[in-house]
Amino acid sequence: MTNVAPQKILVASLTSLVFAGLILVAVVLPAEYGWDPLGSGRWLGLMGFAQTDVNPLQSQSLEWLEDSISFELQPFASVEYKYRLEQGATLLYRWQATGEVVADMHSQPDGASEGYAESFARFRARSDQGGFTAPFTGIHGWFWQNRGATPVTIELQVNGFFDYALEMNAGHSFRYEFEAD
């Protein structure tokens, strides 16, 4: 068994402490807390990891509104129903159908070219529920199509911060205005 001199233990301990401090200041503080005293976090690309300015609370200037609507779709018929939302506005939604439908949740930014849409989810289902936060200002909503042989009724309930709703059905467009309670 070899004896290690206390000075070697002290030097190894101090060296480890200096390296740990350097890693803390150069890597951990920029990545975890967004504080970059040496500039190493920016140089290493670590500054985006710290989300120090994110606030989970978002006040809205619009009133909280509620909407409930029902559609009957004949076989192979479809309907679109969308809401105008400002960027960052939120909808809570729930829809149910009496039979399976093809659903597409999509959006069109204000000023987009005719026919442009950004789709977020395409699926077949009898229901869906959740929340949606608008990634940009525009109209956001659903397209449903009944591909079955019998009529299907869809019931939609929405709460959130929207200006108005648009229904596009059989070549016609209807605009629905809402007032806060």
C-alpha atoms as a PDB file:
ATOM      1  CA  MET A   1       0.000   0.000   0.000  1.00  0.00           C
ATOM      2  CA  THR A   2       1.362   3.396  -0.935  1.00  0.00           C
ATOM      3  CA  ASN A   3       1.042   6.460   1.164  1.00  0.00           C
ATOM      4  CA  VAL A   4      -0.205   9.544  -0.646  1.00  0.00           C
ATOM      5  CA  ALA A   5       1.179  12.766   0.636  1.00  0.00           C
ATOM      6  CA  PRO A   6      -1.433  15.188   2.025  1.00  0.00           C
ATOM      7  CA  GLN A   7      -0.076  17.876  -0.337  1.00  0.00           C
ATOM      8  CA  LYS A   8      -0.967  15.732  -3.382  1.00  0.00           C
ATOM      9  CA  ILE A   9      -4.506  15.236  -2.073  1.00  0.00           C
ATOM     10  CA  LEU A  10      -4.829  18.985  -1.487  1.00  0.00           C
ATOM     11  CA  VAL A  11      -3.530  19.834  -4.992  1.00  0.00           C
ATOM     12  CA  ALA A  12      -5.859  17.260  -6.618  1.00  0.00           C
ATOM     13  CA  SER A  13      -8.822  18.583  -4.619  1.00  0.00           C
ATOM     14  CA  LEU A  14      -8.100  22.226  -5.495  1.00  0.00           C
ATOM     15  CA  THR A  15      -7.580  21.341  -9.173  1.00  0.00           C
ATOM     16  CA  SER A  16     -10.929  19.489  -9.227  1.00  0.00           C
ATOM     17  CA  LEU A  17     -12.617  22.447  -7.537  1.00  0.00           C
ATOM     18  CA  VAL A  18     -11.181  24.899 -10.094  1.00  0.00           C
ATOM     19  CA  PHE A  19     -12.328  22.725 -13.017  1.00  0.00           C
ATOM     20  CA  ALA A  20     -15.791  22.291 -11.478  1.00  0.00           C
ATOM     21  CA  GLY A  21     -16.062  26.071 -11.033  1.00  0.00           C
ATOM     22  CA  LEU A  22     -14.941  26.660 -14.608  1.00  0.00           C
ATOM     23  CA  ILE A  23     -17.554  24.193 -15.937  1.00  0.00           C
ATOM     24  CA  LEU A  24     -20.194  25.861 -13.760  1.00  0.00           C
ATOM     25  CA  VAL A  25     -19.414  29.358 -15.059  1.00  0.00           C
ATOM     26  CA  ALA A  26     -18.678  28.384 -18.690  1.00  0.00           C
ATOM     27  CA  VAL A  27     -21.426  25.803 -19.312  1.00  0.00           C
ATOM     28  CA  VAL A  28     -24.019  25.336 -16.556  1.00  0.00           C
ATOM     29  CA  LEU A  29     -24.868  28.982 -15.816  1.00  0.00           C
ATOM     30  CA  PRO A  30     -25.380  29.905 -19.514  1.00  0.00           C
ATOM     31  CA  ALA A  31     -27.375  26.749 -20.321  1.00  0.00           C
ATOM     32  CA  GLU A  32     -29.557  26.613 -17.211  1.00  0.00           C
ATOM     33  CA  TYR A  33     -29.909  30.243 -16.146  1.00  0.00           C
ATOM     34  CA  GLY A  34     -29.095  32.334 -19.227  1.00  0.00           C
ATOM     35  CA  TRP A  35     -26.200  34.067 -17.445  1.00  0.00           C
ATOM     36  CA  ASP A  36     -23.014  34.109 -19.549  1.00  0.00           C
ATOM     37  CA  PRO A  37     -20.211  35.981 -17.709  1.00  0.00           C
ATOM     38  CA  LEU A  38     -17.419  34.522 -19.895  1.00  0.00           C
ATOM     39  CA  GLY A  39     -19.239  34.588 -23.261  1.00  0.00           C
ATOM     40  CA  SER A  40     -18.692  30.843 -23.544  1.00  0.00           C
ATOM     41  CA  GLY A  41     -22.412  30.064 -23.538  1.00  0.00           C
ATOM     42  CA  ARG A  42     -22.948  32.150 -26.682  1.00  0.00           C
ATOM     43  CA  TRP A  43     -19.806  30.681 -28.270  1.00  0.00           C
ATOM     44  CA  LEU A  44     -20.911  27.098 -27.449  1.00  0.00           C
ATOM     45  CA  GLY A  45     -24.541  27.728 -28.496  1.00  0.00           C
ATOM     46  CA  LEU A  46     -25.953  27.141 -25.025  1.00  0.00           C
ATOM     47  CA  MET A  47     -27.878  30.368 -24.497  1.00  0.00           C
ATOM     48  CA  GLY A  48     -31.103  29.152 -26.163  1.00  0.00           C
ATOM     49  CA  PHE A  49     -31.535  26.387 -23.599  1.00  0.00           C
ATOM     50  CA  ALA A  50     -32.292  28.761 -20.745  1.00  0.00           C
ATOM     51  CA  GLN A  51     -35.891  29.929 -20.926  1.00  0.00           C
ATOM     52  CA  THR A  52     -35.665  32.609 -18.308  1.00  0.00           C
ATOM     53  CA  ASP A  53     -38.093  34.979 -20.045  1.00  0.00           C
ATOM     54  CA  VAL A  54     -40.949  32.508 -20.567  1.00  0.00           C
ATOM     55  CA  ASN A  55     -44.052  33.318 -18.566  1.00  0.00           C
ATOM     56  CA  PRO A  56     -46.764  30.658 -18.645  1.00  0.00           C
ATOM     57  CA  LEU A  57     -49.441  33.284 -17.973  1.00  0.00           C
ATOM     58  CA  GLN A  58     -50.761  35.211 -20.960  1.00  0.00           C
ATOM     59  CA  SER A  59     -53.267  37.998 -20.524  1.00  0.00           C
ATOM     60  CA  GLN A  60     -55.676  38.439 -23.431  1.00  0.00           C
ATOM     61  CA  SER A  61     -57.211  41.676 -24.653  1.00  0.00           C
ATOM     62  CA  LEU A  62     -60.236  39.881 -26.141  1.00  0.00           C
ATOM     63  CA  GLU A  63     -63.207  38.694 -24.110  1.00  0.00           C
ATOM     64  CA  TRP A  64     -63.587  35.016 -23.191  1.00  0.00           C
ATOM     65  CA  LEU A  65     -66.229  33.640 -25.566  1.00  0.00           C
ATOM     66  CA  GLU A  66     -68.176  30.405 -25.877  1.00  0.00           C
ATOM     67  CA  ASP A  67     -69.568  28.741 -28.980  1.00  0.00           C
ATOM     68  CA  SER A  68     -71.605  25.588 -29.460  1.00  0.00           C
ATOM     69  CA  ILE A  69     -72.763  24.426 -32.875  1.00  0.00           C
ATOM     70  CA  SER A  70     -74.020  21.259 -34.530  1.00  0.00           C
ATOM     71  CA  PHE A  71     -73.672  20.074 -38.147  1.00  0.00           C
ATOM     72  CA  GLU A  72     -75.407  17.226 -39.933  1.00  0.00           C
ATOM     73  CA  LEU A  73     -73.275  15.777 -42.705  1.00  0.00           C
ATOM     74  CA  GLN A  74     -74.854  13.607 -45.356  1.00  0.00           C
ATOM     75  CA  PRO A  75     -72.708  10.804 -46.810  1.00  0.00           C
ATOM     76  CA  PHE A  76     -69.592  12.263 -48.488  1.00  0.00           C
ATOM     77  CA  ALA A  77     -70.513  15.819 -47.430  1.00  0.00           C
ATOM     78  CA  SER A  78     -68.095  18.100 -45.601  1.00  0.00           C
ATOM     79  CA  VAL A  79     -68.000  21.297 -43.558  1.00  0.00           C
ATOM     80  CA  GLU A  80     -65.289  23.692 -42.369  1.00  0.00           C
ATOM     81  CA  TYR A  81     -65.682  25.690 -39.174  1.00  0.00           C
ATOM     82  CA  LYS A  82     -62.955  28.106 -38.115  1.00  0.00           C
ATOM     83  CA  TYR A  83     -62.264  30.904 -35.654  1.00  0.00           C
ATOM     84  CA  ARG A  84     -60.304  34.111 -36.153  1.00  0.00           C
ATOM     85  CA  LEU A  85     -57.553  34.233 -33.540  1.00  0.00           C
ATOM     86  CA  GLU A  86     -54.739  36.619 -32.812  1.00  0.00           C
ATOM     87  CA  GLN A  87     -51.276  35.069 -32.465  1.00  0.00           C
ATOM     88  CA  GLY A  88     -50.980  33.513 -28.992  1.00  0.00           C
ATOM     89  CA  ALA A  89     -54.758  33.359 -28.372  1.00  0.00           C
ATOM     90  CA  THR A  90     -56.063  30.068 -27.031  1.00  0.00           C
ATOM     91  CA  LEU A  91     -59.099  27.865 -27.710  1.00  0.00           C
ATOM     92  CA  LEU A  92     -60.312  24.960 -25.629  1.00  0.00           C
ATOM     93  CA  TYR A  93     -62.396  22.601 -27.742  1.00  0.00           C
ATOM     94  CA  ARG A  94     -64.381  19.403 -27.765  1.00  0.00           C
ATOM     95  CA  TRP A  95     -66.194  17.816 -30.675  1.00  0.00           C
ATOM     96  CA  GLN A  96     -68.133  14.583 -30.991  1.00  0.00           C
ATOM     97  CA  ALA A  97     -69.641  12.859 -34.013  1.00  0.00           C
ATOM     98  CA  THR A  98     -72.300  10.161 -34.218  1.00  0.00           C
ATOM     99  CA  GLY A  99     -70.059   8.273 -36.648  1.00  0.00           C
ATOM    100  CA  GLU A 100     -66.465   8.302 -37.821  1.00  0.00           C
ATOM    101  CA  VAL A 101     -65.398  11.388 -39.791  1.00  0.00           C
ATOM    102  CA  VAL A 102     -62.220  12.549 -41.472  1.00  0.00           C
ATOM    103  CA  ALA A 103     -60.942  15.547 -39.496  1.00  0.00           C
ATOM    104  CA  ASP A 104     -58.275  18.087 -40.374  1.00  0.00           C
ATOM    105  CA  MET A 105     -57.288  20.851 -37.921  1.00  0.00           C
ATOM    106  CA  HIS A 106     -55.654  23.595 -39.961  1.00  0.00           C
ATOM    107  CA  SER A 107     -55.026  27.335 -40.140  1.00  0.00           C
ATOM    108  CA  GLN A 108     -54.635  30.136 -42.653  1.00  0.00           C
ATOM    109  CA  PRO A 109     -52.546  33.181 -41.724  1.00  0.00           C
ATOM    110  CA  ASP A 110     -53.946  36.626 -42.437  1.00  0.00           C
ATOM    111  CA  GLY A 111     -52.768  37.701 -45.886  1.00  0.00           C
ATOM    112  CA  ALA A 112     -51.992  34.158 -47.088  1.00  0.00           C
ATOM    113  CA  SER A 113     -52.573  33.328 -50.737  1.00  0.00           C
ATOM    114  CA  GLU A 114     -55.903  31.771 -51.707  1.00  0.00           C
ATOM    115  CA  GLY A 115     -56.012  28.076 -50.838  1.00  0.00           C
ATOM    116  CA  TYR A 116     -52.980  28.135 -48.513  1.00  0.00           C
ATOM    117  CA  ALA A 117     -53.462  26.204 -45.275  1.00  0.00           C
ATOM    118  CA  GLU A 118     -51.132  24.877 -42.600  1.00  0.00           C
ATOM    119  CA  SER A 119     -52.411  21.543 -41.286  1.00  0.00           C
ATOM    120  CA  PHE A 120     -51.684  20.483 -37.703  1.00  0.00           C
ATOM    121  CA  ALA A 121     -53.576  17.180 -37.476  1.00  0.00           C
ATOM    122  CA  ARG A 122     -55.323  14.890 -39.961  1.00  0.00           C
ATOM    123  CA  PHE A 123     -57.094  11.803 -38.695  1.00  0.00           C
ATOM    124  CA  ARG A 124     -60.273   9.710 -38.616  1.00  0.00           C
ATOM    125  CA  ALA A 125     -62.236   9.757 -35.381  1.00  0.00           C
ATOM    126  CA  ARG A 126     -65.591  10.112 -33.659  1.00  0.00           C
ATOM    127  CA  SER A 127     -64.356  12.795 -31.246  1.00  0.00           C
ATOM    128  CA  ASP A 128     -61.461  14.984 -30.175  1.00  0.00           C
ATOM    129  CA  GLN A 129     -60.792  17.471 -27.414  1.00  0.00           C
ATOM    130  CA  GLY A 130     -57.936  19.668 -26.303  1.00  0.00           C
ATOM    131  CA  GLY A 131     -56.444  23.118 -26.502  1.00  0.00           C
ATOM    132  CA  PHE A 132     -55.026  25.124 -29.377  1.00  0.00           C
ATOM    133  CA  THR A 133     -52.809  28.212 -29.197  1.00  0.00           C
ATOM    134  CA  ALA A 134     -52.629  30.163 -32.443  1.00  0.00           C
ATOM    135  CA  PRO A 135     -49.069  30.176 -33.844  1.00  0.00           C
ATOM    136  CA  PHE A 136     -49.989  33.209 -35.988  1.00  0.00           C
ATOM    137  CA  THR A 137     -52.903  35.596 -36.525  1.00  0.00           C
ATOM    138  CA  GLY A 138     -55.504  34.156 -38.887  1.00  0.00           C
ATOM    139  CA  ILE A 139     -58.358  31.683 -39.054  1.00  0.00           C
ATOM    140  CA  HIS A 140     -57.977  28.339 -37.315  1.00  0.00           C
ATOM    141  CA  GLY A 141     -60.327  25.400 -37.227  1.00  0.00           C
ATOM    142  CA  TRP A 142     -61.563  22.113 -38.573  1.00  0.00           C
ATOM    143  CA  PHE A 143     -62.576  20.438 -41.770  1.00  0.00           C
ATOM    144  CA  TRP A 144     -64.798  17.392 -41.280  1.00  0.00           C
ATOM    145  CA  GLN A 145     -65.969  14.969 -43.950  1.00  0.00           C
ATOM    146  CA  ASN A 146     -68.417  12.102 -43.639  1.00  0.00           C
ATOM    147  CA  ARG A 147     -67.094   9.246 -45.763  1.00  0.00           C
ATOM    148  CA  GLY A 148     -69.712   6.831 -44.494  1.00  0.00           C
ATOM    149  CA  ALA A 149     -73.010   5.694 -46.010  1.00  0.00           C
ATOM    150  CA  THR A 150     -75.282   7.252 -43.339  1.00  0.00           C
ATOM    151  CA  PRO A 151     -75.683  10.839 -42.069  1.00  0.00           C
ATOM    152  CA  VAL A 152     -73.408  11.929 -39.210  1.00  0.00           C
ATOM    153  CA  THR A 153     -74.013  14.737 -36.721  1.00  0.00           C
ATOM    154  CA  ILE A 154     -71.031  16.664 -35.317  1.00  0.00           C
ATOM    155  CA  GLU A 155     -71.371  18.715 -32.146  1.00  0.00           C
ATOM    156  CA  LEU A 156     -68.629  21.281 -31.432  1.00  0.00           C
ATOM    157  CA  GLN A 157     -68.058  23.199 -28.204  1.00  0.00           C
ATOM    158  CA  VAL A 158     -65.379  25.904 -28.017  1.00  0.00           C
ATOM    159  CA  ASN A 159     -64.292  28.378 -25.344  1.00  0.00           C
ATOM    160  CA  GLY A 160     -61.549  30.914 -25.802  1.00  0.00           C
ATOM    161  CA  PHE A 161     -60.320  34.184 -27.198  1.00  0.00           C
ATOM    162  CA  PHE A 162     -61.570  34.628 -30.745  1.00  0.00           C
ATOM    163  CA  ASP A 163     -63.098  37.415 -32.842  1.00  0.00           C
ATOM    164  CA  TYR A 164     -65.659  35.509 -34.918  1.00  0.00           C
ATOM    165  CA  ALA A 165     -66.330  32.131 -36.548  1.00  0.00           C
ATOM    166  CA  LEU A 166     -66.592  31.160 -40.213  1.00  0.00           C
ATOM    167  CA  GLU A 167     -68.572  28.243 -41.579  1.00  0.00           C
ATOM    168  CA  MET A 168     -67.821  27.034 -45.093  1.00  0.00           C
ATOM    169  CA  ASN A 169     -70.423  24.561 -46.282  1.00  0.00           C
ATOM    170  CA  ALA A 170     -71.645  23.508 -49.738  1.00  0.00           C
ATOM    171  CA  GLY A 171     -69.955  26.445 -51.455  1.00  0.00           C
ATOM    172  CA  HIS A 172     -71.365  29.040 -49.039  1.00  0.00           C
ATOM    173  CA  SER A 173     -69.580  30.974 -46.307  1.00  0.00           C
ATOM    174  CA  PHE A 174     -71.270  32.211 -43.127  1.00  0.00           C
ATOM    175  CA  ARG A 175     -69.739  34.528 -40.534  1.00  0.00           C
ATOM    176  CA  TYR A 176     -70.875  34.316 -36.898  1.00  0.00           C
ATOM    177  CA  GLU A 177     -70.301  37.202 -34.485  1.00  0.00           C
ATOM    178  CA  PHE A 178     -70.258  36.644 -30.709  1.00  0.00           C
ATOM    179  CA  GLU A 179     -70.762  38.785 -27.655  1.00  0.00           C
ATOM    180  CA  ALA A 180     -69.299  38.140 -24.221  1.00  0.00           C
ATOM    181  CA  ASP A 181     -71.807  37.312 -21.491  1.00  0.00           C
END
